[in-house]
Amino acid sequence: MKIAITSTGPDLSAEMDQRFGRAQLFLIVDTETGESTAVDNRQNLEAPQGAGIQAAGLVIDTGAEVLITGHCGPNAYKTLQAAGLKVIVGARGVNAEVLEQFKNGELSYTEGPDVEGHWS
């Protein structure tokens, strides 16, 4: 399974980014092989609006089935949900720790966004 983790750096040793739409990177991790790839989200960092929807499209294009982030707004959540992605919010820490929490079933899927739009 491929999961996307919002990240401040390009590997598992980096801290998770609490933002979704304006996250620095998305770390795409294949839970079966352990391989990870960093996907740059720079184009959405300074977007005046629509960052969440654009970032959602970027994550969807990676083939990820699950997104793990700190916070996710309503427009991004709707876009991710429409594409069939499951979303986990409220995670924090180093990417490797978050990945282990996911594998151990310690993180829960959300039923909706946890912040209003234009949250940063």
Protein backbone atom coordinates (compact mmCIF):
# COMPACT_ATOMS: atom_id res chain seq x y z
CA MET A 1 0.00 0.00 0.00
CA LYS A 2 1.22 3.51 -0.78
CA ILE A 3 0.75 6.18 1.85
CA ALA A 4 1.49 9.90 1.67
CA ILE A 5 2.90 11.72 4.68
CA THR A 6 3.14 15.51 4.75
CA SER A 7 6.83 16.20 5.37
CA THR A 8 9.34 18.95 6.05
CA GLY A 9 12.14 16.93 4.45
CA PRO A 10 12.78 14.27 1.79
CA ASP A 11 13.09 11.16 3.96
CA LEU A 12 11.81 9.25 6.98
CA SER A 13 14.17 11.07 9.36
CA ALA A 14 12.43 14.42 8.71
CA GLU A 15 9.64 15.88 10.81
CA MET A 16 6.11 15.56 9.54
CA ASP A 17 4.62 18.84 8.24
CA GLN A 18 1.43 19.73 10.10
CA ARG A 19 -0.03 21.45 7.04
CA PHE A 20 -1.52 19.61 4.09
CA GLY A 21 -2.05 22.07 1.23
CA ARG A 22 1.06 24.05 2.05
CA ALA A 23 3.26 21.15 3.16
CA GLN A 24 6.82 21.39 1.86
CA LEU A 25 6.81 17.83 0.54
CA PHE A 26 4.81 14.65 0.42
CA LEU A 27 6.74 11.55 1.35
CA ILE A 28 5.21 8.63 -0.57
CA VAL A 29 5.96 5.36 1.20
CA ASP A 30 5.27 1.87 -0.08
CA THR A 31 4.47 -0.04 3.12
CA GLU A 32 5.27 -3.39 1.48
CA THR A 33 8.73 -2.58 0.10
CA GLY A 34 9.74 0.25 2.44
CA GLU A 35 10.67 2.45 -0.54
CA SER A 36 9.97 6.15 -0.18
CA THR A 37 9.91 9.01 -2.66
CA ALA A 38 9.69 12.73 -1.93
CA VAL A 39 7.22 14.73 -4.02
CA ASP A 40 7.81 18.49 -4.06
CA ASN A 41 4.81 20.66 -3.19
CA ARG A 42 6.65 23.97 -3.67
CA GLN A 43 4.14 25.24 -6.24
CA ASN A 44 1.45 25.34 -3.54
CA LEU A 45 3.43 26.93 -0.69
CA GLU A 46 2.66 30.49 -1.75
CA ALA A 47 -0.63 29.94 -3.59
CA PRO A 48 -3.12 32.66 -2.63
CA GLN A 49 -5.96 30.14 -2.74
CA GLY A 50 -6.68 26.58 -3.82
CA ALA A 51 -3.50 25.13 -2.28
CA GLY A 52 -5.40 22.25 -0.66
CA ILE A 53 -7.18 21.22 -3.83
CA GLN A 54 -3.98 21.43 -5.89
CA ALA A 55 -2.04 19.47 -3.27
CA ALA A 56 -4.82 16.87 -3.19
CA GLY A 57 -4.45 16.42 -6.95
CA LEU A 58 -0.71 15.98 -6.54
CA VAL A 59 -1.20 13.27 -3.88
CA ILE A 60 -3.89 11.53 -5.93
CA ASP A 61 -1.52 11.40 -8.91
CA THR A 62 1.05 9.48 -6.82
CA GLY A 63 -1.33 6.55 -6.42
CA ALA A 64 -1.39 6.86 -2.62
CA GLU A 65 -4.31 5.21 -0.86
CA VAL A 66 -3.88 6.95 2.50
CA LEU A 67 -2.82 10.47 3.51
CA ILE A 68 -1.33 11.13 6.94
CA THR A 69 -1.14 14.79 7.95
CA GLY A 70 -1.53 17.13 10.87
CA HIS A 71 -4.48 19.07 9.50
CA CYS A 72 -6.72 18.98 6.43
CA GLY A 73 -9.25 21.58 5.33
CA PRO A 74 -12.70 21.01 3.80
CA ASN A 75 -11.95 21.47 0.09
CA ALA A 76 -8.86 19.29 0.18
CA TYR A 77 -10.69 16.65 2.21
CA LYS A 78 -13.58 16.53 -0.27
CA THR A 79 -11.15 16.17 -3.18
CA LEU A 80 -9.21 13.38 -1.48
CA GLN A 81 -12.39 11.58 -0.41
CA ALA A 82 -13.86 11.79 -3.92
CA ALA A 83 -10.71 10.03 -5.22
CA GLY A 84 -11.09 7.27 -2.62
CA LEU A 85 -8.18 8.24 -0.36
CA LYS A 86 -8.48 7.66 3.36
CA VAL A 87 -7.27 10.56 5.51
CA ILE A 88 -5.64 10.57 8.92
CA VAL A 89 -5.26 13.91 10.75
CA GLY A 90 -3.68 14.78 14.07
CA ALA A 91 -0.44 12.87 13.54
CA ARG A 92 2.83 14.48 14.55
CA GLY A 93 6.49 13.67 14.97
CA VAL A 94 9.26 12.22 12.84
CA ASN A 95 8.06 10.52 9.64
CA ALA A 96 9.53 7.14 10.64
CA GLU A 97 7.61 7.22 13.93
CA VAL A 98 4.39 8.20 12.18
CA LEU A 99 4.87 5.35 9.70
CA GLU A 100 5.32 2.87 12.57
CA GLN A 101 2.20 4.21 14.29
CA PHE A 102 0.28 3.65 11.06
CA LYS A 103 1.61 0.11 10.63
CA ASN A 104 0.73 -0.70 14.25
CA GLY A 105 -2.86 0.54 13.81
CA GLU A 106 -2.38 3.40 16.26
CA LEU A 107 -3.75 6.10 13.92
CA SER A 108 -7.43 6.56 13.06
CA TYR A 109 -9.05 7.68 9.83
CA THR A 110 -11.00 10.92 10.01
CA GLU A 111 -14.60 11.39 8.98
CA GLY A 112 -14.07 14.96 7.81
CA PRO A 113 -11.79 18.02 7.78
CA ASP A 114 -10.39 19.23 11.10
CA VAL A 115 -9.77 22.90 10.19
CA GLU A 116 -11.48 25.62 8.21
CA GLY A 117 -10.26 26.58 4.74
CA HIS A 118 -7.17 28.79 4.37
CA TRP A 119 -5.59 27.40 7.51
CA SER A 120 -1.83 27.73 7.68
